Amino acid sequence: MIEVAHLTKYYGKNKALDNVGFSLDKGEILGFLGPNGAGKSTTMNIITGYISSDEGSVKIDGIDILEEPTEAKKKIGYLPEIPPLYNDMTVRKYLEFMFHLKKVRLPLKEHIDQICAMVKIDDVSERIIKHLSKGYRQRVGLAQALLGDPPVLILDEPTAGLDPAQIIEMRKLIRRLGKKHTIILSSHVLSEVQSVCDKIVVINSGKIVADDFTTKLTKSGRDTRRVKLVIEGREKGIYGLIRNIDGVTNVESHGETERGCSEFVVESSTDVRRPIYRAIARSDSTILVMSPIELSLEETFLDIISGKFNENGGNS
């Protein structure tokens, strides 16, 4: 549905994008991540046809954004970080204006009513936009992106300015939209990306440094393995026992979790679960919990942009 290939963009002598490429299938939600100045906004502006690249191509459902911009843009709904609203219009008048501007051919009233209900702004549809809270203005911006029912949605910080309850509702809505639309979601809230997105692309210094499914990225990237243990027995004796096992690089004791039981986090360069089991079995202690700990998306992201990440599972 979205094919980005070999994008290169210069601003003067500065290379903002360097051979950027990724693809997204129909119905997938992609999280687009990167530190400030990494090239996210430039890439999204090129995908939407707002600016052109110096090299490379973008195809939306097989249509090249530069060769057939009008047809390609009909397939895109775009929510910028700051929604382009006309503050002196009412919500409905604004959506009607955007409906005609986009030359949507669906029944006007029914279509706008449906979108207002979907993003939960039907109760403020007759209010003037400048009198709305930032959260409601964000929803109005999403509503205009949905006009015409485009197959592709590009959302830049869609939950910015929303309160916690609204954030939860917005995430649920994005997941529902992902069943029908292909979505690129740019966000600085990594927990949001992890909860909503199927795939992640990370850009740093104008280059793609990671491109994979969310679950695969958080299961790879470091030689270090981590295991959580809850063990019944004497904390100090258990700590020393585990620390002396070959391959163990670090042991953190998190104290007593329940009477007579202690929690540990063990880091190792190899799989040490069996040696731990055998060592504890030979002592007077009992393992109650032994479970691997995956990297959080925050840890994975920091590893990627610092150059520590290796998709084959090792430090670079």
Foldseek 3Di string as FASTA:
>chain_A
DKWWFQFWADDVPATQAGGDTDDFDFLFEEEEAEDPSLNPVVVVCCQLVVDHTPDTFMAAVNHTCVVCVLVRNLQEQEQAPQFPFDQQAALLVRLLVLLVVNPADDDNPVLLVVLCVLLVNPVRRGPGNNPDAPQSVLSSSVSSSCRNNHQEYEYEASCPRPDPVSLVSVLVSLQVSSRRHYYYYYHPPQVSCLVRGQWYWYGGNNYTQDTGGSVLLQQAFALKWKKKWKKQADPVVLLVLVCPDPFWDDKDWPQAPDVRITMIMTIGNDPCPVVSCVSQVVDPMGIPDIGTDTHRVVRSNVCRNVQQGDSVHYGD
